[in-house]
Amino acid sequence: MEVKEVKFTPDQALQIILKGMETGQIKLPFNGTIKAEEMTAIAKNAIARRQHTPETDFYSLTYELAHSARLDSLYLLCMFGALTRGLTDKEVQNLNHLFDRFMY
């Protein structure tokens, strides 16, 4: 197997990402980092320590969720950039070398 060039148009890259997410092949790595139980525990602990009211604690939970969403957005942006930019000559060379090791 010989890789020559791997580069997609923006529309193709978007379709690849969307289809990958639809089928579950692409998962957002930071989406699952904050679980509902963890958020409840954070809220209860903060209220128990009387450091936050339920209203202000809502803002700290929102901050945590927004942070996770930003990281997932960055992940998708990097994936889109990699698909549209393509591989460098060195990356293609490394892939071809790797494929050669597995060919019989």
N, C-alpha and C. Protein backbone atom coordinates (compact mmCIF):
# COMPACT_ATOMS: atom_id res chain seq x y z
N MET A 1 0.85 -1.17 0.00
CA MET A 1 0.00 0.00 0.00
C MET A 1 0.89 1.23 0.00
N GLU A 2 0.65 2.11 -0.90
CA GLU A 2 1.47 3.31 -1.04
C GLU A 2 0.58 4.54 -0.89
N VAL A 3 0.92 5.39 0.06
CA VAL A 3 0.19 6.64 0.26
C VAL A 3 0.87 7.71 -0.56
N LYS A 4 0.11 8.40 -1.38
CA LYS A 4 0.68 9.49 -2.18
C LYS A 4 0.36 10.84 -1.54
N GLU A 5 -0.92 11.14 -1.42
CA GLU A 5 -1.31 12.40 -0.80
C GLU A 5 -2.64 12.19 -0.11
N VAL A 6 -2.72 12.69 1.11
CA VAL A 6 -3.97 12.62 1.85
C VAL A 6 -4.35 14.05 2.20
N LYS A 7 -5.35 14.54 1.49
CA LYS A 7 -5.79 15.92 1.71
C LYS A 7 -7.22 16.00 1.21
N PHE A 8 -8.07 16.66 1.98
CA PHE A 8 -9.48 16.76 1.62
C PHE A 8 -9.90 18.22 1.50
N THR A 9 -10.95 18.44 0.71
CA THR A 9 -11.53 19.78 0.65
C THR A 9 -12.24 20.04 1.97
N PRO A 10 -12.51 21.29 2.31
CA PRO A 10 -13.24 21.57 3.55
C PRO A 10 -14.59 20.85 3.63
N ASP A 11 -15.31 20.78 2.50
CA ASP A 11 -16.60 20.07 2.51
C ASP A 11 -16.42 18.58 2.78
N GLN A 12 -15.40 17.98 2.16
CA GLN A 12 -15.14 16.56 2.40
C GLN A 12 -14.75 16.32 3.86
N ALA A 13 -13.90 17.19 4.39
CA ALA A 13 -13.45 17.04 5.78
C ALA A 13 -14.64 17.14 6.74
N LEU A 14 -15.52 18.09 6.47
CA LEU A 14 -16.71 18.24 7.31
C LEU A 14 -17.58 17.00 7.25
N GLN A 15 -17.76 16.45 6.06
CA GLN A 15 -18.57 15.23 5.91
C GLN A 15 -17.93 14.04 6.63
N ILE A 16 -16.62 13.94 6.57
CA ILE A 16 -15.91 12.86 7.27
C ILE A 16 -16.14 12.97 8.77
N ILE A 17 -15.99 14.17 9.30
CA ILE A 17 -16.17 14.38 10.74
C ILE A 17 -17.61 14.11 11.15
N LEU A 18 -18.56 14.64 10.38
CA LEU A 18 -19.98 14.43 10.72
C LEU A 18 -20.36 12.96 10.67
N LYS A 19 -19.93 12.26 9.62
CA LYS A 19 -20.25 10.83 9.50
C LYS A 19 -19.57 10.04 10.62
N GLY A 20 -18.35 10.41 10.94
CA GLY A 20 -17.66 9.73 12.04
C GLY A 20 -18.35 9.92 13.37
N MET A 21 -18.89 11.11 13.61
CA MET A 21 -19.61 11.36 14.85
C MET A 21 -20.96 10.65 14.85
N GLU A 22 -21.63 10.63 13.70
CA GLU A 22 -22.92 9.94 13.58
C GLU A 22 -22.78 8.45 13.88
N THR A 23 -21.74 7.85 13.38
CA THR A 23 -21.56 6.40 13.53
C THR A 23 -20.83 6.02 14.83
N GLY A 24 -20.38 7.01 15.56
CA GLY A 24 -19.68 6.73 16.81
C GLY A 24 -18.21 6.43 16.65
N GLN A 25 -17.68 6.58 15.43
CA GLN A 25 -16.26 6.33 15.19
C GLN A 25 -15.40 7.48 15.71
N ILE A 26 -15.98 8.67 15.75
CA ILE A 26 -15.29 9.83 16.31
C ILE A 26 -16.06 10.24 17.55
N LYS A 27 -15.37 10.26 18.67
CA LYS A 27 -15.99 10.65 19.93
C LYS A 27 -15.29 11.90 20.46
N LEU A 28 -16.05 12.75 21.09
CA LEU A 28 -15.46 13.94 21.69
C LEU A 28 -14.76 13.51 22.98
N PRO A 29 -13.45 13.69 23.05
CA PRO A 29 -12.69 13.14 24.18
C PRO A 29 -12.99 13.80 25.52
N PHE A 30 -13.40 15.05 25.52
CA PHE A 30 -13.60 15.76 26.79
C PHE A 30 -15.06 15.82 27.19
N ASN A 31 -15.95 15.42 26.31
CA ASN A 31 -17.39 15.48 26.57
C ASN A 31 -17.78 14.66 27.79
N GLY A 32 -17.16 13.52 27.96
CA GLY A 32 -17.53 12.64 29.06
C GLY A 32 -16.72 12.85 30.32
N THR A 33 -15.88 13.87 30.36
CA THR A 33 -15.02 14.03 31.53
C THR A 33 -15.78 14.48 32.75
N ILE A 34 -16.88 15.18 32.55
CA ILE A 34 -17.67 15.65 33.68
C ILE A 34 -18.96 14.84 33.70
N LYS A 35 -19.11 14.02 34.69
CA LYS A 35 -20.30 13.18 34.82
C LYS A 35 -21.31 13.88 35.74
N ALA A 36 -22.56 13.53 35.58
CA ALA A 36 -23.62 14.13 36.38
C ALA A 36 -23.37 13.93 37.87
N GLU A 37 -22.91 12.73 38.25
CA GLU A 37 -22.66 12.45 39.67
C GLU A 37 -21.56 13.37 40.21
N GLU A 38 -20.54 13.60 39.40
CA GLU A 38 -19.46 14.48 39.83
C GLU A 38 -19.95 15.90 40.01
N MET A 39 -20.79 16.37 39.10
CA MET A 39 -21.32 17.73 39.22
C MET A 39 -22.18 17.85 40.47
N THR A 40 -22.99 16.85 40.75
CA THR A 40 -23.82 16.88 41.96
C THR A 40 -22.94 16.89 43.20
N ALA A 41 -21.90 16.08 43.20
CA ALA A 41 -20.98 16.03 44.35
C ALA A 41 -20.29 17.37 44.55
N ILE A 42 -19.85 17.99 43.47
CA ILE A 42 -19.20 19.30 43.56
C ILE A 42 -20.16 20.31 44.17
N ALA A 43 -21.39 20.31 43.69
CA ALA A 43 -22.38 21.26 44.19
C ALA A 43 -22.68 21.02 45.67
N LYS A 44 -22.89 19.76 46.05
CA LYS A 44 -23.21 19.45 47.45
C LYS A 44 -22.06 19.80 48.38
N ASN A 45 -20.83 19.50 47.96
CA ASN A 45 -19.67 19.81 48.80
C ASN A 45 -19.51 21.31 48.99
N ALA A 46 -19.68 22.06 47.92
CA ALA A 46 -19.53 23.52 48.02
C ALA A 46 -20.61 24.12 48.92
N ILE A 47 -21.83 23.62 48.78
CA ILE A 47 -22.92 24.14 49.61
C ILE A 47 -22.71 23.73 51.06
N ALA A 48 -22.27 22.49 51.29
CA ALA A 48 -22.03 22.01 52.65
C ALA A 48 -20.94 22.83 53.34
N ARG A 49 -19.96 23.26 52.61
CA ARG A 49 -18.89 24.09 53.18
C ARG A 49 -19.31 25.55 53.26
N ARG A 50 -20.50 25.82 52.79
CA ARG A 50 -21.08 27.18 52.78
C ARG A 50 -20.20 28.16 52.01
N GLN A 51 -19.48 27.64 51.04
CA GLN A 51 -18.66 28.52 50.21
C GLN A 51 -19.46 29.10 49.05
N HIS A 52 -20.50 28.40 48.67
CA HIS A 52 -21.30 28.86 47.54
C HIS A 52 -22.77 28.66 47.87
N THR A 53 -23.56 29.50 47.31
CA THR A 53 -25.00 29.28 47.34
C THR A 53 -25.34 28.42 46.13
N PRO A 54 -26.52 27.81 46.08
CA PRO A 54 -26.87 27.04 44.88
C PRO A 54 -26.76 27.86 43.60
N GLU A 55 -27.07 29.16 43.70
CA GLU A 55 -27.02 30.00 42.50
C GLU A 55 -25.59 30.22 42.02
N THR A 56 -24.68 30.55 42.94
CA THR A 56 -23.29 30.77 42.51
C THR A 56 -22.63 29.47 42.11
N ASP A 57 -23.05 28.36 42.73
CA ASP A 57 -22.47 27.08 42.35
C ASP A 57 -22.85 26.71 40.92
N PHE A 58 -24.03 27.14 40.49
CA PHE A 58 -24.45 26.93 39.10
C PHE A 58 -23.40 27.52 38.16
N TYR A 59 -22.85 28.68 38.50
CA TYR A 59 -21.86 29.31 37.64
C TYR A 59 -20.56 28.52 37.60
N SER A 60 -20.16 27.93 38.72
CA SER A 60 -18.92 27.14 38.70
C SER A 60 -19.11 25.87 37.88
N LEU A 61 -20.29 25.26 37.95
CA LEU A 61 -20.56 24.08 37.12
C LEU A 61 -20.61 24.47 35.64
N THR A 62 -21.20 25.61 35.36
CA THR A 62 -21.25 26.09 33.98
C THR A 62 -19.84 26.32 33.44
N TYR A 63 -18.96 26.86 34.29
CA TYR A 63 -17.58 27.07 33.88
C TYR A 63 -16.92 25.74 33.52
N GLU A 64 -17.12 24.71 34.35
CA GLU A 64 -16.52 23.40 34.08
C GLU A 64 -17.04 22.81 32.77
N LEU A 65 -18.33 22.93 32.54
CA LEU A 65 -18.91 22.42 31.29
C LEU A 65 -18.39 23.19 30.08
N ALA A 66 -18.28 24.51 30.21
CA ALA A 66 -17.78 25.34 29.11
C ALA A 66 -16.32 24.99 28.81
N HIS A 67 -15.55 24.72 29.84
CA HIS A 67 -14.15 24.34 29.65
C HIS A 67 -14.06 23.04 28.85
N SER A 68 -14.87 22.07 29.22
CA SER A 68 -14.90 20.79 28.50
C SER A 68 -15.32 21.00 27.05
N ALA A 69 -16.32 21.83 26.83
CA ALA A 69 -16.79 22.11 25.46
C ALA A 69 -15.71 22.79 24.63
N ARG A 70 -14.95 23.71 25.26
CA ARG A 70 -13.88 24.38 24.52
C ARG A 70 -12.80 23.39 24.08
N LEU A 71 -12.47 22.45 24.97
CA LEU A 71 -11.46 21.45 24.62
C LEU A 71 -11.95 20.55 23.48
N ASP A 72 -13.22 20.17 23.50
CA ASP A 72 -13.77 19.37 22.41
C ASP A 72 -13.79 20.16 21.11
N SER A 73 -14.09 21.45 21.19
CA SER A 73 -14.07 22.30 20.00
C SER A 73 -12.67 22.37 19.40
N LEU A 74 -11.69 22.50 20.26
CA LEU A 74 -10.30 22.54 19.81
C LEU A 74 -9.91 21.23 19.14
N TYR A 75 -10.36 20.12 19.71
CA TYR A 75 -10.11 18.79 19.14
C TYR A 75 -10.69 18.71 17.72
N LEU A 76 -11.93 19.15 17.56
CA LEU A 76 -12.57 19.11 16.24
C LEU A 76 -11.88 20.05 15.25
N LEU A 77 -11.49 21.21 15.72
CA LEU A 77 -10.79 22.17 14.86
C LEU A 77 -9.46 21.60 14.38
N CYS A 78 -8.73 20.95 15.29
CA CYS A 78 -7.45 20.33 14.90
C CYS A 78 -7.67 19.20 13.91
N MET A 79 -8.71 18.41 14.12
CA MET A 79 -9.01 17.31 13.19
C MET A 79 -9.36 17.87 11.81
N PHE A 80 -10.18 18.91 11.78
CA PHE A 80 -10.55 19.55 10.52
C PHE A 80 -9.31 20.09 9.81
N GLY A 81 -8.45 20.75 10.57
CA GLY A 81 -7.21 21.29 10.00
C GLY A 81 -6.31 20.21 9.44
N ALA A 82 -6.20 19.10 10.16
CA ALA A 82 -5.36 18.00 9.69
C ALA A 82 -5.92 17.39 8.41
N LEU A 83 -7.24 17.27 8.32
CA LEU A 83 -7.85 16.69 7.12
C LEU A 83 -7.70 17.61 5.91
N THR A 84 -7.82 18.91 6.12
CA THR A 84 -7.75 19.84 4.98
C THR A 84 -6.32 20.23 4.63
N ARG A 85 -5.42 20.19 5.59
CA ARG A 85 -4.02 20.55 5.32
C ARG A 85 -3.30 19.43 4.61
N GLY A 86 -3.66 18.21 4.98
CA GLY A 86 -2.99 17.07 4.38
C GLY A 86 -1.77 16.67 5.18
N LEU A 87 -1.07 15.70 4.66
CA LEU A 87 0.13 15.19 5.32
C LEU A 87 1.37 15.81 4.70
N THR A 88 2.37 16.01 5.52
CA THR A 88 3.65 16.49 4.99
C THR A 88 4.35 15.32 4.31
N ASP A 89 5.37 15.64 3.53
CA ASP A 89 6.14 14.59 2.86
C ASP A 89 6.73 13.61 3.87
N LYS A 90 7.21 14.12 4.99
CA LYS A 90 7.79 13.27 6.04
C LYS A 90 6.73 12.35 6.63
N GLU A 91 5.51 12.87 6.86
CA GLU A 91 4.43 12.04 7.40
C GLU A 91 4.04 10.94 6.41
N VAL A 92 3.99 11.28 5.12
CA VAL A 92 3.69 10.27 4.09
C VAL A 92 4.78 9.21 4.07
N GLN A 93 6.02 9.64 4.15
CA GLN A 93 7.15 8.72 4.15
C GLN A 93 7.07 7.77 5.36
N ASN A 94 6.75 8.31 6.53
CA ASN A 94 6.62 7.49 7.74
C ASN A 94 5.48 6.48 7.61
N LEU A 95 4.36 6.91 7.04
CA LEU A 95 3.22 6.00 6.84
C LEU A 95 3.59 4.88 5.88
N ASN A 96 4.23 5.23 4.77
CA ASN A 96 4.63 4.21 3.80
C ASN A 96 5.61 3.22 4.42
N HIS A 97 6.52 3.72 5.24
CA HIS A 97 7.46 2.84 5.92
C HIS A 97 6.71 1.90 6.87
N LEU A 98 5.74 2.43 7.58
CA LEU A 98 4.94 1.61 8.49
C LEU A 98 4.15 0.56 7.73
N PHE A 99 3.53 0.95 6.61
CA PHE A 99 2.77 -0.01 5.81
C PHE A 99 3.67 -1.12 5.27
N ASP A 100 4.89 -0.75 4.86
CA ASP A 100 5.83 -1.75 4.34
C ASP A 100 6.14 -2.84 5.36
N ARG A 101 6.16 -2.49 6.63
CA ARG A 101 6.48 -3.46 7.68
C ARG A 101 5.38 -4.50 7.84
N PHE A 102 4.15 -4.13 7.47
CA PHE A 102 3.03 -5.05 7.65
C PHE A 102 2.65 -5.80 6.37
N MET A 103 3.30 -5.45 5.27
CA MET A 103 3.00 -6.14 4.01
C MET A 103 3.84 -7.41 3.94
N TYR A 104 3.25 -8.47 3.44
CA TYR A 104 3.95 -9.76 3.34
C TYR A 104 4.56 -9.92 1.98
